[in-house]
Amino acid sequence: MERLDNRWQALPLKTQCKYVIILFTFYLTMGIGVLVKVCYDLGKEDRHIEIGHIESPSIGDGTSLRADSILINNKKFRNGRERE
C-alpha cells in the first residue's frame, strides 16, 4: 500500500487532478445510469421492480450443497453458543 501511495505522490499534481476528475465522472455517470434504470423500471405499467433469486451454477455436482450445509450449521452458533 505504501508503494502505491509513493507512486501516487510521485505523479505531478496536474495528473493527479486529471485522474480524480476522471474517476469522479465515471462514478457520477454510473450513479445517474442506476437512477435512470430505477426510474425506468418504476415507470413501467406494472409499477414494480422484478427481483429474482440468484441461481447457483454448481447445484448439479452436489459440492455446493455440502458447502451450504456447513455454512448453515455455522450460522446456528454465535460466540460458541447455539442460537435460538
PDB file of N, CA and C in Angstrom:
ATOM      1  N   MET A   1       0.824  -1.177   0.000  1.00  0.00           N
ATOM      2  CA  MET A   1       0.000   0.000   0.000  1.00  0.00           C
ATOM      3  C   MET A   1       0.880   1.257   0.000  1.00  0.00           C
ATOM      4  N   GLU A   2       1.940   1.183   0.758  1.00  0.00           N
ATOM      5  CA  GLU A   2       2.848   2.327   0.830  1.00  0.00           C
ATOM      6  C   GLU A   2       3.509   2.582  -0.529  1.00  0.00           C
ATOM      7  N   ARG A   3       3.806   1.501  -1.237  1.00  0.00           N
ATOM      8  CA  ARG A   3       4.425   1.639  -2.554  1.00  0.00           C
ATOM      9  C   ARG A   3       3.474   2.339  -3.527  1.00  0.00           C
ATOM     10  N   LEU A   4       2.183   1.968  -3.464  1.00  0.00           N
ATOM     11  CA  LEU A   4       1.199   2.624  -4.321  1.00  0.00           C
ATOM     12  C   LEU A   4       1.054   4.101  -3.966  1.00  0.00           C
ATOM     13  N   ASP A   5       1.074   4.394  -2.669  1.00  0.00           N
ATOM     14  CA  ASP A   5       0.986   5.795  -2.241  1.00  0.00           C
ATOM     15  C   ASP A   5       2.194   6.581  -2.732  1.00  0.00           C
ATOM     16  N   ASN A   6       3.359   5.985  -2.684  1.00  0.00           N
ATOM     17  CA  ASN A   6       4.563   6.665  -3.171  1.00  0.00           C
ATOM     18  C   ASN A   6       4.468   6.928  -4.673  1.00  0.00           C
ATOM     19  N   ARG A   7       3.935   5.958  -5.415  1.00  0.00           N
ATOM     20  CA  ARG A   7       3.763   6.163  -6.860  1.00  0.00           C
ATOM     21  C   ARG A   7       2.764   7.284  -7.132  1.00  0.00           C
ATOM     22  N   TRP A   8       1.682   7.326  -6.332  1.00  0.00           N
ATOM     23  CA  TRP A   8       0.681   8.381  -6.492  1.00  0.00           C
ATOM     24  C   TRP A   8       1.290   9.747  -6.185  1.00  0.00           C
ATOM     25  N   GLN A   9       2.049   9.826  -5.113  1.00  0.00           N
ATOM     26  CA  GLN A   9       2.662  11.090  -4.726  1.00  0.00           C
ATOM     27  C   GLN A   9       3.714  11.543  -5.741  1.00  0.00           C
ATOM     28  N   ALA A  10       4.305  10.592  -6.464  1.00  0.00           N
ATOM     29  CA  ALA A  10       5.326  10.940  -7.456  1.00  0.00           C
ATOM     30  C   ALA A  10       4.725  11.545  -8.719  1.00  0.00           C
ATOM     31  N   LEU A  11       3.433  11.328  -8.934  1.00  0.00           N
ATOM     32  CA  LEU A  11       2.781  11.911 -10.110  1.00  0.00           C
ATOM     33  C   LEU A  11       2.668  13.426  -9.950  1.00  0.00           C
ATOM     34  N   PRO A  12       2.746  14.141 -11.044  1.00  0.00           N
ATOM     35  CA  PRO A  12       2.546  15.591 -10.966  1.00  0.00           C
ATOM     36  C   PRO A  12       1.121  15.913 -10.510  1.00  0.00           C
ATOM     37  N   LEU A  13       0.954  17.056  -9.878  1.00  0.00           N
ATOM     38  CA  LEU A  13      -0.340  17.448  -9.332  1.00  0.00           C
ATOM     39  C   LEU A  13      -1.415  17.529 -10.422  1.00  0.00           C
ATOM     40  N   LYS A  14      -1.029  17.986 -11.588  1.00  0.00           N
ATOM     41  CA  LYS A  14      -1.979  18.091 -12.697  1.00  0.00           C
ATOM     42  C   LYS A  14      -2.506  16.711 -13.095  1.00  0.00           C
ATOM     43  N   THR A  15      -1.632  15.724 -13.127  1.00  0.00           N
ATOM     44  CA  THR A  15      -2.032  14.363 -13.478  1.00  0.00           C
ATOM     45  C   THR A  15      -2.930  13.777 -12.390  1.00  0.00           C
ATOM     46  N   GLN A  16      -2.606  14.039 -11.132  1.00  0.00           N
ATOM     47  CA  GLN A  16      -3.450  13.565 -10.038  1.00  0.00           C
ATOM     48  C   GLN A  16      -4.855  14.137 -10.162  1.00  0.00           C
ATOM     49  N   CYS A  17      -4.958  15.418 -10.464  1.00  0.00           N
ATOM     50  CA  CYS A  17      -6.264  16.057 -10.631  1.00  0.00           C
ATOM     51  C   CYS A  17      -7.031  15.441 -11.786  1.00  0.00           C
ATOM     52  N   LYS A  18      -6.344  15.150 -12.893  1.00  0.00           N
ATOM     53  CA  LYS A  18      -7.000  14.520 -14.038  1.00  0.00           C
ATOM     54  C   LYS A  18      -7.590  13.174 -13.645  1.00  0.00           C
ATOM     55  N   TYR A  19      -6.805  12.351 -12.949  1.00  0.00           N
ATOM     56  CA  TYR A  19      -7.282  11.036 -12.526  1.00  0.00           C
ATOM     57  C   TYR A  19      -8.481  11.156 -11.594  1.00  0.00           C
ATOM     58  N   VAL A  20      -8.429  12.089 -10.669  1.00  0.00           N
ATOM     59  CA  VAL A  20      -9.540  12.261  -9.732  1.00  0.00           C
ATOM     60  C   VAL A  20     -10.795  12.701 -10.480  1.00  0.00           C
ATOM     61  N   ILE A  21     -10.662  13.607 -11.418  1.00  0.00           N
ATOM     62  CA  ILE A  21     -11.812  14.083 -12.192  1.00  0.00           C
ATOM     63  C   ILE A  21     -12.379  12.969 -13.055  1.00  0.00           C
ATOM     64  N   ILE A  22     -11.506  12.166 -13.667  1.00  0.00           N
ATOM     65  CA  ILE A  22     -11.966  11.049 -14.494  1.00  0.00           C
ATOM     66  C   ILE A  22     -12.734  10.040 -13.640  1.00  0.00           C
ATOM     67  N   LEU A  23     -12.202   9.682 -12.466  1.00  0.00           N
ATOM     68  CA  LEU A  23     -12.889   8.729 -11.593  1.00  0.00           C
ATOM     69  C   LEU A  23     -14.208   9.294 -11.084  1.00  0.00           C
ATOM     70  N   PHE A  24     -14.231  10.572 -10.722  1.00  0.00           N
ATOM     71  CA  PHE A  24     -15.468  11.201 -10.262  1.00  0.00           C
ATOM     72  C   PHE A  24     -16.515  11.187 -11.375  1.00  0.00           C
ATOM     73  N   THR A  25     -16.093  11.495 -12.599  1.00  0.00           N
ATOM     74  CA  THR A  25     -17.015  11.491 -13.736  1.00  0.00           C
ATOM     75  C   THR A  25     -17.564  10.086 -13.978  1.00  0.00           C
ATOM     76  N   PHE A  26     -16.707   9.086 -13.856  1.00  0.00           N
ATOM     77  CA  PHE A  26     -17.140   7.702 -14.029  1.00  0.00           C
ATOM     78  C   PHE A  26     -18.188   7.335 -12.983  1.00  0.00           C
ATOM     79  N   TYR A  27     -17.932   7.620 -11.706  1.00  0.00           N
ATOM     80  CA  TYR A  27     -18.887   7.289 -10.652  1.00  0.00           C
ATOM     81  C   TYR A  27     -20.180   8.090 -10.789  1.00  0.00           C
ATOM     82  N   LEU A  28     -20.082   9.335 -11.209  1.00  0.00           N
ATOM     83  CA  LEU A  28     -21.271  10.147 -11.428  1.00  0.00           C
ATOM     84  C   LEU A  28     -22.111   9.563 -12.563  1.00  0.00           C
ATOM     85  N   THR A  29     -21.453   9.148 -13.642  1.00  0.00           N
ATOM     86  CA  THR A  29     -22.157   8.537 -14.764  1.00  0.00           C
ATOM     87  C   THR A  29     -22.834   7.235 -14.337  1.00  0.00           C
ATOM     88  N   MET A  30     -22.129   6.423 -13.585  1.00  0.00           N
ATOM     89  CA  MET A  30     -22.717   5.171 -13.102  1.00  0.00           C
ATOM     90  C   MET A  30     -23.915   5.451 -12.197  1.00  0.00           C
ATOM     91  N   GLY A  31     -23.802   6.417 -11.318  1.00  0.00           N
ATOM     92  CA  GLY A  31     -24.905   6.757 -10.428  1.00  0.00           C
ATOM     93  C   GLY A  31     -26.118   7.255 -11.186  1.00  0.00           C
ATOM     94  N   ILE A  32     -25.905   8.098 -12.173  1.00  0.00           N
ATOM     95  CA  ILE A  32     -27.013   8.594 -12.985  1.00  0.00           C
ATOM     96  C   ILE A  32     -27.638   7.448 -13.774  1.00  0.00           C
ATOM     97  N   GLY A  33     -26.804   6.546 -14.280  1.00  0.00           N
ATOM     98  CA  GLY A  33     -27.324   5.386 -15.007  1.00  0.00           C
ATOM     99  C   GLY A  33     -28.210   4.509 -14.134  1.00  0.00           C
ATOM    100  N   VAL A  34     -27.793   4.268 -12.905  1.00  0.00           N
ATOM    101  CA  VAL A  34     -28.596   3.455 -11.988  1.00  0.00           C
ATOM    102  C   VAL A  34     -29.902   4.169 -11.667  1.00  0.00           C
ATOM    103  N   LEU A  35     -29.834   5.471 -11.425  1.00  0.00           N
ATOM    104  CA  LEU A  35     -31.035   6.244 -11.124  1.00  0.00           C
ATOM    105  C   LEU A  35     -32.017   6.216 -12.294  1.00  0.00           C
ATOM    106  N   VAL A  36     -31.507   6.351 -13.518  1.00  0.00           N
ATOM    107  CA  VAL A  36     -32.367   6.299 -14.700  1.00  0.00           C
ATOM    108  C   VAL A  36     -32.998   4.916 -14.830  1.00  0.00           C
ATOM    109  N   LYS A  37     -32.231   3.862 -14.596  1.00  0.00           N
ATOM    110  CA  LYS A  37     -32.754   2.498 -14.684  1.00  0.00           C
ATOM    111  C   LYS A  37     -33.855   2.268 -13.649  1.00  0.00           C
ATOM    112  N   VAL A  38     -33.663   2.745 -12.433  1.00  0.00           N
ATOM    113  CA  VAL A  38     -34.684   2.583 -11.393  1.00  0.00           C
ATOM    114  C   VAL A  38     -35.944   3.344 -11.777  1.00  0.00           C
ATOM    115  N   CYS A  39     -35.786   4.574 -12.235  1.00  0.00           N
ATOM    116  CA  CYS A  39     -36.953   5.365 -12.654  1.00  0.00           C
ATOM    117  C   CYS A  39     -37.658   4.710 -13.828  1.00  0.00           C
ATOM    118  N   TYR A  40     -36.897   4.150 -14.748  1.00  0.00           N
ATOM    119  CA  TYR A  40     -37.490   3.455 -15.896  1.00  0.00           C
ATOM    120  C   TYR A  40     -38.293   2.242 -15.438  1.00  0.00           C
ATOM    121  N   ASP A  41     -37.708   1.438 -14.525  1.00  0.00           N
ATOM    122  CA  ASP A  41     -38.407   0.248 -14.038  1.00  0.00           C
ATOM    123  C   ASP A  41     -39.664   0.623 -13.255  1.00  0.00           C
ATOM    124  N   LEU A  42     -39.603   1.688 -12.489  1.00  0.00           N
ATOM    125  CA  LEU A  42     -40.775   2.102 -11.731  1.00  0.00           C
ATOM    126  C   LEU A  42     -41.831   2.749 -12.616  1.00  0.00           C
ATOM    127  N   GLY A  43     -41.433   3.267 -13.766  1.00  0.00           N
ATOM    128  CA  GLY A  43     -42.365   3.903 -14.672  1.00  0.00           C
ATOM    129  C   GLY A  43     -43.115   2.934 -15.559  1.00  0.00           C
ATOM    130  N   LYS A  44     -42.780   1.659 -15.521  1.00  0.00           N
ATOM    131  CA  LYS A  44     -43.495   0.664 -16.312  1.00  0.00           C
ATOM    132  C   LYS A  44     -44.936   0.563 -15.833  1.00  0.00           C
ATOM    133  N   GLU A  45     -45.764  -0.086 -16.634  1.00  0.00           N
ATOM    134  CA  GLU A  45     -47.185  -0.198 -16.302  1.00  0.00           C
ATOM    135  C   GLU A  45     -47.430  -0.980 -15.026  1.00  0.00           C
ATOM    136  N   ASP A  46     -46.636  -2.028 -14.762  1.00  0.00           N
ATOM    137  CA  ASP A  46     -46.885  -2.851 -13.578  1.00  0.00           C
ATOM    138  C   ASP A  46     -46.364  -2.211 -12.291  1.00  0.00           C
ATOM    139  N   ARG A  47     -45.565  -1.179 -12.399  1.00  0.00           N
ATOM    140  CA  ARG A  47     -45.095  -0.358 -11.272  1.00  0.00           C
ATOM    141  C   ARG A  47     -44.395  -1.148 -10.158  1.00  0.00           C
ATOM    142  N   HIS A  48     -43.624  -2.123 -10.504  1.00  0.00           N
ATOM    143  CA  HIS A  48     -42.783  -2.784  -9.505  1.00  0.00           C
ATOM    144  C   HIS A  48     -41.501  -3.289 -10.170  1.00  0.00           C
ATOM    145  N   ILE A  49     -40.470  -3.384  -9.378  1.00  0.00           N
ATOM    146  CA  ILE A  49     -39.176  -3.853  -9.862  1.00  0.00           C
ATOM    147  C   ILE A  49     -39.116  -5.359  -9.658  1.00  0.00           C
ATOM    148  N   GLU A  50     -38.703  -6.064 -10.702  1.00  0.00           N
ATOM    149  CA  GLU A  50     -38.594  -7.508 -10.613  1.00  0.00           C
ATOM    150  C   GLU A  50     -37.372  -7.894  -9.812  1.00  0.00           C
ATOM    151  N   ILE A  51     -37.572  -8.737  -8.821  1.00  0.00           N
ATOM    152  CA  ILE A  51     -36.474  -9.232  -8.007  1.00  0.00           C
ATOM    153  C   ILE A  51     -36.495 -10.751  -8.108  1.00  0.00           C
ATOM    154  N   GLY A  52     -35.368 -11.332  -8.498  1.00  0.00           N
ATOM    155  CA  GLY A  52     -35.308 -12.778  -8.659  1.00  0.00           C
ATOM    156  C   GLY A  52     -34.195 -13.381  -7.825  1.00  0.00           C
ATOM    157  N   HIS A  53     -34.280 -14.676  -7.627  1.00  0.00           N
ATOM    158  CA  HIS A  53     -33.258 -15.390  -6.877  1.00  0.00           C
ATOM    159  C   HIS A  53     -32.018 -15.596  -7.737  1.00  0.00           C
ATOM    160  N   ILE A  54     -30.872 -15.647  -7.091  1.00  0.00           N
ATOM    161  CA  ILE A  54     -29.622 -15.922  -7.781  1.00  0.00           C
ATOM    162  C   ILE A  54     -29.489 -17.429  -7.917  1.00  0.00           C
ATOM    163  N   GLU A  55     -29.281 -17.883  -9.121  1.00  0.00           N
ATOM    164  CA  GLU A  55     -29.143 -19.317  -9.375  1.00  0.00           C
ATOM    165  C   GLU A  55     -27.687 -19.722  -9.239  1.00  0.00           C
ATOM    166  N   SER A  56     -27.443 -20.808  -8.534  1.00  0.00           N
ATOM    167  CA  SER A  56     -26.099 -21.320  -8.363  1.00  0.00           C
ATOM    168  C   SER A  56     -25.752 -22.227  -9.535  1.00  0.00           C
ATOM    169  N   PRO A  57     -24.633 -21.984 -10.231  1.00  0.00           N
ATOM    170  CA  PRO A  57     -24.299 -22.811 -11.382  1.00  0.00           C
ATOM    171  C   PRO A  57     -23.796 -24.201 -11.019  1.00  0.00           C
ATOM    172  N   SER A  58     -23.441 -24.448  -9.761  1.00  0.00           N
ATOM    173  CA  SER A  58     -22.835 -25.736  -9.398  1.00  0.00           C
ATOM    174  C   SER A  58     -23.774 -26.614  -8.589  1.00  0.00           C
ATOM    175  N   ILE A  59     -25.078 -26.464  -8.752  1.00  0.00           N
ATOM    176  CA  ILE A  59     -26.022 -27.296  -7.998  1.00  0.00           C
ATOM    177  C   ILE A  59     -25.962 -28.748  -8.467  1.00  0.00           C
ATOM    178  N   GLY A  60     -25.703 -28.975  -9.733  1.00  0.00           N
ATOM    179  CA  GLY A  60     -25.716 -30.321 -10.293  1.00  0.00           C
ATOM    180  C   GLY A  60     -24.672 -31.262  -9.721  1.00  0.00           C
ATOM    181  N   ASP A  61     -23.498 -30.762  -9.328  1.00  0.00           N
ATOM    182  CA  ASP A  61     -22.447 -31.675  -8.875  1.00  0.00           C
ATOM    183  C   ASP A  61     -22.519 -31.979  -7.381  1.00  0.00           C
ATOM    184  N   GLY A  62     -23.330 -31.290  -6.615  1.00  0.00           N
ATOM    185  CA  GLY A  62     -23.516 -31.599  -5.199  1.00  0.00           C
ATOM    186  C   GLY A  62     -22.484 -30.987  -4.278  1.00  0.00           C
ATOM    187  N   THR A  63     -21.421 -30.397  -4.794  1.00  0.00           N
ATOM    188  CA  THR A  63     -20.407 -29.832  -3.907  1.00  0.00           C
ATOM    189  C   THR A  63     -20.912 -28.588  -3.204  1.00  0.00           C
ATOM    190  N   SER A  64     -21.724 -27.791  -3.887  1.00  0.00           N
ATOM    191  CA  SER A  64     -22.211 -26.575  -3.252  1.00  0.00           C
ATOM    192  C   SER A  64     -23.199 -26.901  -2.142  1.00  0.00           C
ATOM    193  N   LEU A  65     -23.928 -28.037  -2.271  1.00  0.00           N
ATOM    194  CA  LEU A  65     -24.882 -28.411  -1.235  1.00  0.00           C
ATOM    195  C   LEU A  65     -24.158 -28.754   0.064  1.00  0.00           C
ATOM    196  N   ARG A  66     -23.028 -29.458  -0.059  1.00  0.00           N
ATOM    197  CA  ARG A  66     -22.254 -29.770   1.143  1.00  0.00           C
ATOM    198  C   ARG A  66     -21.694 -28.506   1.762  1.00  0.00           C
ATOM    199  N   ALA A  67     -21.191 -27.603   0.934  1.00  0.00           N
ATOM    200  CA  ALA A  67     -20.644 -26.350   1.455  1.00  0.00           C
ATOM    201  C   ALA A  67     -21.739 -25.515   2.093  1.00  0.00           C
ATOM    202  N   ASP A  68     -22.936 -25.510   1.487  1.00  0.00           N
ATOM    203  CA  ASP A  68     -24.038 -24.755   2.059  1.00  0.00           C
ATOM    204  C   ASP A  68     -24.449 -25.305   3.416  1.00  0.00           C
ATOM    205  N   SER A  69     -24.463 -26.628   3.559  1.00  0.00           N
ATOM    206  CA  SER A  69     -24.864 -27.200   4.838  1.00  0.00           C
ATOM    207  C   SER A  69     -23.855 -26.856   5.925  1.00  0.00           C
ATOM    208  N   ILE A  70     -22.577 -26.763   5.560  1.00  0.00           N
ATOM    209  CA  ILE A  70     -21.563 -26.359   6.537  1.00  0.00           C
ATOM    210  C   ILE A  70     -21.808 -24.925   6.969  1.00  0.00           C
ATOM    211  N   LEU A  71     -22.109 -24.059   6.017  1.00  0.00           N
ATOM    212  CA  LEU A  71     -22.382 -22.668   6.349  1.00  0.00           C
ATOM    213  C   LEU A  71     -23.636 -22.534   7.190  1.00  0.00           C
ATOM    214  N   ILE A  72     -24.669 -23.286   6.868  1.00  0.00           N
ATOM    215  CA  ILE A  72     -25.912 -23.210   7.637  1.00  0.00           C
ATOM    216  C   ILE A  72     -25.665 -23.671   9.061  1.00  0.00           C
ATOM    217  N   ASN A  73     -24.895 -24.744   9.224  1.00  0.00           N
ATOM    218  CA  ASN A  73     -24.604 -25.232  10.573  1.00  0.00           C
ATOM    219  C   ASN A  73     -23.811 -24.198  11.368  1.00  0.00           C
ATOM    220  N   ASN A  74     -22.889 -23.488  10.719  1.00  0.00           N
ATOM    221  CA  ASN A  74     -22.119 -22.474  11.420  1.00  0.00           C
ATOM    222  C   ASN A  74     -22.978 -21.274  11.802  1.00  0.00           C
ATOM    223  N   LYS A  75     -24.032 -21.015  11.050  1.00  0.00           N
ATOM    224  CA  LYS A  75     -24.897 -19.881  11.351  1.00  0.00           C
ATOM    225  C   LYS A  75     -25.753 -20.132  12.583  1.00  0.00           C
ATOM    226  N   LYS A  76     -25.844 -21.373  13.013  1.00  0.00           N
ATOM    227  CA  LYS A  76     -26.634 -21.689  14.200  1.00  0.00           C
ATOM    228  C   LYS A  76     -25.908 -21.298  15.486  1.00  0.00           C
ATOM    229  N   PHE A  77     -24.626 -21.011  15.385  1.00  0.00           N
ATOM    230  CA  PHE A  77     -23.853 -20.713  16.574  1.00  0.00           C
ATOM    231  C   PHE A  77     -23.342 -19.277  16.529  1.00  0.00           C
ATOM    232  N   ARG A  78     -23.318 -18.639  17.694  1.00  0.00           N
ATOM    233  CA  ARG A  78     -22.753 -17.298  17.802  1.00  0.00           C
ATOM    234  C   ARG A  78     -21.969 -17.284  19.106  1.00  0.00           C
ATOM    235  N   ASN A  79     -20.699 -16.910  19.027  1.00  0.00           N
ATOM    236  CA  ASN A  79     -19.811 -16.863  20.185  1.00  0.00           C
ATOM    237  C   ASN A  79     -19.768 -18.191  20.930  1.00  0.00           C
ATOM    238  N   GLY A  80     -19.808 -19.296  20.188  1.00  0.00           N
ATOM    239  CA  GLY A  80     -19.706 -20.610  20.801  1.00  0.00           C
ATOM    240  C   GLY A  80     -21.005 -21.119  21.390  1.00  0.00           C
ATOM    241  N   ARG A  81     -22.076 -20.349  21.335  1.00  0.00           N
ATOM    242  CA  ARG A  81     -23.365 -20.761  21.868  1.00  0.00           C
ATOM    243  C   ARG A  81     -24.372 -20.936  20.743  1.00  0.00           C
ATOM    244  N   GLU A  82     -25.254 -21.879  20.916  1.00  0.00           N
ATOM    245  CA  GLU A  82     -26.253 -22.112  19.872  1.00  0.00           C
ATOM    246  C   GLU A  82     -27.312 -21.018  19.917  1.00  0.00           C
ATOM    247  N   ARG A  83     -27.657 -20.539  18.736  1.00  0.00           N
ATOM    248  CA  ARG A  83     -28.714 -19.531  18.636  1.00  0.00           C
ATOM    249  C   ARG A  83     -30.067 -20.181  18.855  1.00  0.00           C
ATOM    250  N   GLU A  84     -31.014 -19.384  19.259  1.00  0.00           N
ATOM    251  CA  GLU A  84     -32.364 -19.920  19.473  1.00  0.00           C
ATOM    252  C   GLU A  84     -33.209 -19.776  18.249  1.00  0.00           C
TER     253      GLU A  84
END
